[in-house]
Amino acid sequence: MRADLHTHSSVSDGTEPPAVVIRRGAEAALDVIALTDHDTVAGQREAAGALPAGMTLLPGAEISCRLEGHSVHLLAYLFDPENDELAGELAEIRESRLYRARAMVDKLAALDVPVTWEQVSEIAAGGVVGRPHIARAMLELGVVASVNEAFTANWMGPGGPAYVARYALDPVKAIRLVRAAGGVTVLAHPRGAGRGWQFPDQVIADLTAAGLTGIEINHPQHDEQERRLLGELAHSLGLAPSGGSDDHGALTGFRIGTEIAPEGGYEALVSQATGARPVTGT
């Protein structure tokens, strides 16, 4: 079972429409692909409609959380998208993203960086606006040499002159909301190189006690040692082992299918969900 359980489309901060994400998944010989755009499920219908026969879509979203000042990303799957409380929280996060992006553009203008809101909106193309869209605008203008440079403390990284904080859920609350909506949750890239805070084992254990279902082991930013350690931790805590490419299209080099969930991980997640079901192309 080749299951890439972490991808993004232009509905959030990827560069390709949902239908193209599905096509690239088929070209990578995936059996299962999860579309996990940031804080939205708006691309799921298009993705489902693009499925070739026999390929399965795992509907999901990557939920923005914060714990003790640290960014936490939860991959949520198979929840009921009509659940009022969860849908309301996701809408609030998206609204905060929009406010934050406008404030960052204003801060860049004060730094004599000629990024405009019109330029950022055109890049976002109707998707959930985020820092990657502003970073791409900065790259287009030659202000930075790469998208990653825009996320440093020189610009939009924490403590940077154009940084603005935004609303995010407490991860325990997010886990409980997803569970109440019939879904399951996976802690994304807990030990990703270059991501700053590395999740201590005790924090992962505490989230497990709160209802966390799985942990992302296979990820482009996890080296072999971290994968081994995370696999051992997942086994000891009874967490489903997951994995995915975290593809963002052109921003990450079109890497769908380069990382897949460990054996049994996809089945373990699906077996514990009650809010929705995977969709298979016919």
Protein backbone atom coordinates (compact mmCIF):
# COMPACT_ATOMS: atom_id res chain seq x y z
CA MET A 1 0.00 0.00 0.00
CA ARG A 2 1.64 3.23 -1.19
CA ALA A 3 -0.05 6.00 0.82
CA ASP A 4 1.22 9.59 0.83
CA LEU A 5 -0.75 11.12 3.70
CA HIS A 6 0.51 14.73 3.60
CA THR A 7 0.10 16.95 0.53
CA HIS A 8 -0.99 20.52 -0.21
CA SER A 9 -2.71 22.25 -3.11
CA SER A 10 -3.25 25.83 -4.23
CA VAL A 11 -6.32 25.89 -1.98
CA SER A 12 -3.78 26.71 0.74
CA ASP A 13 -0.04 27.19 0.12
CA GLY A 14 0.72 24.63 -2.55
CA THR A 15 1.22 25.69 -6.16
CA GLU A 16 -0.98 23.14 -7.98
CA PRO A 17 -4.81 22.84 -8.04
CA PRO A 18 -6.30 19.82 -6.21
CA ALA A 19 -6.98 17.96 -9.46
CA VAL A 20 -3.32 18.28 -10.47
CA VAL A 21 -2.22 17.04 -7.05
CA ILE A 22 -4.31 13.92 -7.65
CA ARG A 23 -2.87 13.46 -11.15
CA ARG A 24 0.67 13.73 -9.80
CA GLY A 25 -0.23 11.17 -7.14
CA ALA A 26 -1.42 8.77 -9.83
CA GLU A 27 1.79 9.34 -11.81
CA ALA A 28 3.73 8.46 -8.65
CA ALA A 29 1.84 5.13 -8.49
CA LEU A 30 0.13 5.95 -5.20
CA ASP A 31 -2.72 3.78 -3.96
CA VAL A 32 -3.81 6.45 -1.45
CA ILE A 33 -3.27 10.19 -1.29
CA ALA A 34 -4.37 12.59 1.45
CA LEU A 35 -5.07 16.21 0.63
CA THR A 36 -4.24 18.13 3.81
CA ASP A 37 -4.46 21.83 3.03
CA HIS A 38 -3.92 24.25 5.89
CA ASP A 39 -7.07 24.81 7.94
CA THR A 40 -9.47 24.11 5.08
CA VAL A 41 -11.25 21.29 3.26
CA ALA A 42 -12.21 23.48 0.30
CA GLY A 43 -10.24 21.40 -2.20
CA GLN A 44 -11.68 17.99 -1.31
CA ARG A 45 -14.55 17.97 -3.81
CA GLU A 46 -12.27 18.82 -6.75
CA ALA A 47 -9.74 16.24 -5.59
CA ALA A 48 -12.37 13.50 -5.32
CA GLY A 49 -13.67 14.32 -8.77
CA ALA A 50 -10.21 13.88 -10.27
CA LEU A 51 -9.55 10.40 -8.85
CA PRO A 52 -8.66 7.73 -11.40
CA ALA A 53 -10.20 4.29 -11.00
CA GLY A 54 -8.81 2.42 -8.02
CA MET A 55 -7.02 5.35 -6.39
CA THR A 56 -8.21 6.47 -2.95
CA LEU A 57 -8.44 9.96 -1.47
CA LEU A 58 -8.10 10.36 2.30
CA PRO A 59 -9.83 13.68 3.05
CA GLY A 60 -8.05 15.81 5.61
CA ALA A 61 -6.61 19.14 6.70
CA GLU A 62 -3.50 20.38 8.49
CA ILE A 63 -4.66 22.29 11.56
CA SER A 64 -2.59 25.17 12.94
CA CYS A 65 -1.95 24.83 16.68
CA ARG A 66 0.35 26.39 19.25
CA LEU A 67 1.74 24.93 22.47
CA GLU A 68 3.77 27.01 24.92
CA GLY A 69 4.68 29.44 22.17
CA HIS A 70 5.71 26.70 19.72
CA SER A 71 4.02 25.97 16.41
CA VAL A 72 2.29 22.59 16.26
CA HIS A 73 0.75 21.11 13.11
CA LEU A 74 -1.89 18.41 13.39
CA LEU A 75 -2.94 16.38 10.38
CA ALA A 76 -6.65 15.61 10.78
CA TYR A 77 -8.42 13.02 8.65
CA LEU A 78 -11.94 11.74 8.07
CA PHE A 79 -13.73 14.22 10.32
CA ASP A 80 -17.22 15.47 9.57
CA PRO A 81 -16.60 18.81 7.79
CA GLU A 82 -20.09 19.98 8.82
CA ASN A 83 -19.33 19.72 12.53
CA ASP A 84 -20.20 23.22 13.74
CA GLU A 85 -17.56 23.64 16.45
CA LEU A 86 -14.64 22.34 14.39
CA ALA A 87 -15.73 24.22 11.27
CA GLY A 88 -16.04 27.40 13.33
CA GLU A 89 -12.51 27.07 14.71
CA LEU A 90 -11.07 26.45 11.25
CA ALA A 91 -12.90 29.51 9.93
CA GLU A 92 -11.44 31.61 12.76
CA ILE A 93 -7.92 30.38 11.95
CA ARG A 94 -8.39 31.25 8.28
CA GLU A 95 -9.65 34.73 9.18
CA SER A 96 -6.62 35.22 11.41
CA ARG A 97 -4.37 34.11 8.55
CA LEU A 98 -5.91 36.78 6.34
CA TYR A 99 -5.46 39.51 8.99
CA ARG A 100 -1.88 38.38 9.59
CA ALA A 101 -1.00 38.41 5.90
CA ARG A 102 -2.34 41.94 5.45
CA ALA A 103 -0.40 43.10 8.51
CA MET A 104 2.79 41.51 7.19
CA VAL A 105 2.38 43.23 3.83
CA ASP A 106 1.97 46.52 5.70
CA LYS A 107 5.13 45.85 7.72
CA LEU A 108 7.08 45.04 4.57
CA ALA A 109 5.87 48.29 3.00
CA ALA A 110 7.21 50.15 6.04
CA LEU A 111 10.55 48.43 5.34
CA ASP A 112 10.44 49.77 1.76
CA VAL A 113 9.69 46.32 0.32
CA PRO A 114 7.24 46.93 -2.56
CA VAL A 115 5.05 43.85 -2.03
CA THR A 116 1.38 44.71 -2.55
CA TRP A 117 -1.76 43.00 -1.33
CA GLU A 118 -2.92 42.69 -4.94
CA GLN A 119 0.25 40.78 -5.83
CA VAL A 120 -0.14 38.43 -2.86
CA SER A 121 -3.82 37.84 -3.62
CA GLU A 122 -3.01 36.99 -7.23
CA ILE A 123 -0.43 34.43 -6.11
CA ALA A 124 -2.88 32.91 -3.60
CA ALA A 125 -5.49 32.64 -6.39
CA GLY A 126 -8.40 32.36 -3.98
CA GLY A 127 -6.68 29.96 -1.58
CA VAL A 128 -6.06 30.41 2.14
CA VAL A 129 -3.49 33.23 2.23
CA GLY A 130 -0.32 32.47 4.16
CA ARG A 131 3.30 33.48 4.53
CA PRO A 132 4.40 31.33 1.56
CA HIS A 133 2.36 33.56 -0.77
CA ILE A 134 4.08 36.66 0.59
CA ALA A 135 7.44 34.91 0.33
CA ARG A 136 6.76 34.09 -3.32
CA ALA A 137 5.92 37.76 -3.93
CA MET A 138 9.21 38.77 -2.31
CA LEU A 139 11.04 36.27 -4.51
CA GLU A 140 9.36 37.63 -7.65
CA LEU A 141 10.58 41.11 -6.71
CA GLY A 142 14.12 39.91 -6.05
CA VAL A 143 13.97 40.91 -2.37
CA VAL A 144 15.03 37.41 -1.29
CA ALA A 145 17.01 34.75 -3.10
CA SER A 146 14.69 31.92 -2.03
CA VAL A 147 11.32 31.38 -0.40
CA ASN A 148 13.04 29.96 2.68
CA GLU A 149 15.03 33.18 3.13
CA ALA A 150 11.75 35.06 3.67
CA PHE A 151 11.02 32.86 6.70
CA THR A 152 14.19 33.82 8.58
CA ALA A 153 14.44 36.31 11.43
CA ASN A 154 15.61 38.85 8.86
CA TRP A 155 12.07 39.00 7.47
CA MET A 156 8.96 37.02 8.43
CA GLY A 157 10.42 34.53 10.86
CA PRO A 158 9.61 34.79 14.60
CA GLY A 159 11.21 37.95 15.91
CA GLY A 160 11.70 39.32 12.42
CA PRO A 161 10.73 42.89 11.48
CA ALA A 162 7.79 41.70 9.34
CA TYR A 163 6.59 38.92 11.65
CA VAL A 164 3.01 38.94 12.95
CA ALA A 165 1.52 36.31 15.27
CA ARG A 166 -1.87 34.76 14.56
CA TYR A 167 -4.59 32.69 16.18
CA ALA A 168 -3.95 28.97 16.56
CA LEU A 169 -5.63 26.21 18.54
CA ASP A 170 -4.27 24.49 21.60
CA PRO A 171 -3.40 21.02 20.25
CA VAL A 172 -5.30 19.21 23.00
CA LYS A 173 -8.42 21.17 22.11
CA ALA A 174 -7.86 20.48 18.42
CA ILE A 175 -7.48 16.75 19.04
CA ARG A 176 -10.71 16.67 21.03
CA LEU A 177 -12.61 18.68 18.41
CA VAL A 178 -11.49 16.34 15.64
CA ARG A 179 -12.39 13.28 17.70
CA ALA A 180 -15.81 14.76 18.45
CA ALA A 181 -16.27 15.19 14.70
CA GLY A 182 -15.44 11.52 14.14
CA GLY A 183 -11.91 12.11 12.84
CA VAL A 184 -8.38 11.07 13.72
CA THR A 185 -5.23 13.15 14.23
CA VAL A 186 -1.55 12.73 13.43
CA LEU A 187 1.27 14.89 14.80
CA ALA A 188 3.07 16.30 11.73
CA HIS A 189 6.87 16.43 11.35
CA PRO A 190 7.62 16.42 15.11
CA ARG A 191 11.40 16.30 14.61
CA GLY A 192 11.75 18.13 11.29
CA ALA A 193 15.22 19.52 10.63
CA GLY A 194 15.17 23.30 10.45
CA ARG A 195 11.80 23.61 12.18
CA GLY A 196 13.16 24.85 15.48
CA TRP A 197 11.45 23.16 18.40
CA GLN A 198 11.85 19.38 18.53
CA PHE A 199 8.93 17.71 20.26
CA PRO A 200 10.04 16.01 23.50
CA ASP A 201 8.82 12.45 24.04
CA GLN A 202 6.82 13.57 27.07
CA VAL A 203 4.87 16.14 25.06
CA ILE A 204 4.01 13.47 22.49
CA ALA A 205 2.94 11.16 25.31
CA ASP A 206 0.73 13.90 26.76
CA LEU A 207 -0.92 14.46 23.36
CA THR A 208 -1.43 10.72 23.05
CA ALA A 209 -3.22 10.72 26.40
CA ALA A 210 -5.45 13.50 25.04
CA GLY A 211 -6.47 11.34 22.08
CA LEU A 212 -3.77 11.71 19.41
CA THR A 213 -4.10 8.82 16.94
CA GLY A 214 -0.80 8.77 15.08
CA ILE A 215 2.57 10.36 14.46
CA GLU A 216 4.33 11.25 11.22
CA ILE A 217 7.48 9.17 11.01
CA ASN A 218 8.36 9.31 7.32
CA HIS A 219 8.88 12.93 6.29
CA PRO A 220 11.50 14.61 4.08
CA GLN A 221 12.95 16.46 7.08
CA HIS A 222 13.36 13.34 9.25
CA ASP A 223 16.68 11.54 8.99
CA GLU A 224 17.03 7.77 9.47
CA GLN A 225 17.88 8.05 13.15
CA GLU A 226 14.81 10.17 13.89
CA ARG A 227 12.62 7.76 11.94
CA ARG A 228 13.90 4.88 14.01
CA LEU A 229 13.39 6.74 17.29
CA LEU A 230 9.92 7.94 16.30
CA GLY A 231 8.98 4.42 15.20
CA GLU A 232 10.00 3.05 18.59
CA LEU A 233 8.06 5.83 20.34
CA ALA A 234 4.97 5.20 18.22
CA HIS A 235 5.10 1.50 19.09
CA SER A 236 5.49 2.17 22.82
CA LEU A 237 2.58 4.65 22.85
CA GLY A 238 0.30 2.70 20.55
CA LEU A 239 0.29 5.43 17.89
CA ALA A 240 -0.40 4.73 14.23
CA PRO A 241 2.80 5.24 12.17
CA SER A 242 2.20 7.73 9.36
CA GLY A 243 4.15 9.49 6.66
CA GLY A 244 3.95 11.73 3.66
CA SER A 245 5.84 13.99 1.31
CA ASP A 246 4.47 17.31 2.62
CA ASP A 247 4.46 18.32 -1.02
CA HIS A 248 3.73 21.97 -1.91
CA GLY A 249 4.23 21.66 -5.66
CA ALA A 250 6.92 23.88 -7.12
CA LEU A 251 7.90 25.14 -3.66
CA THR A 252 9.14 21.69 -2.63
CA GLY A 253 10.19 20.24 -5.97
CA PHE A 254 7.07 18.23 -6.84
CA ARG A 255 7.86 15.40 -4.43
CA ILE A 256 4.49 13.62 -4.13
CA GLY A 257 5.08 9.95 -3.48
CA THR A 258 8.67 10.32 -2.31
CA GLU A 259 7.55 9.55 1.25
CA ILE A 260 4.78 7.13 2.20
CA ALA A 261 3.23 5.86 5.41
CA PRO A 262 4.84 2.82 7.06
CA GLU A 263 3.10 -0.51 6.61
CA GLY A 264 -0.23 -0.63 8.41
CA GLY A 265 -0.32 3.08 9.18
CA TYR A 266 -3.08 4.04 6.76
CA GLU A 267 -5.28 1.13 7.80
CA ALA A 268 -4.79 1.94 11.50
CA LEU A 269 -5.97 5.53 10.96
CA VAL A 270 -9.01 4.62 8.86
CA SER A 271 -10.13 1.93 11.31
CA GLN A 272 -10.47 4.50 14.11
CA ALA A 273 -12.45 7.16 12.19
CA THR A 274 -16.22 7.47 12.17
CA GLY A 275 -16.91 10.94 10.75
CA ALA A 276 -16.27 10.28 7.05
CA ARG A 277 -14.85 7.61 4.77
CA PRO A 278 -12.08 7.53 2.17
CA VAL A 279 -13.17 8.08 -1.44
CA THR A 280 -12.09 5.65 -4.16
CA GLY A 281 -12.19 6.49 -7.85
CA THR A 282 -14.42 4.36 -10.07
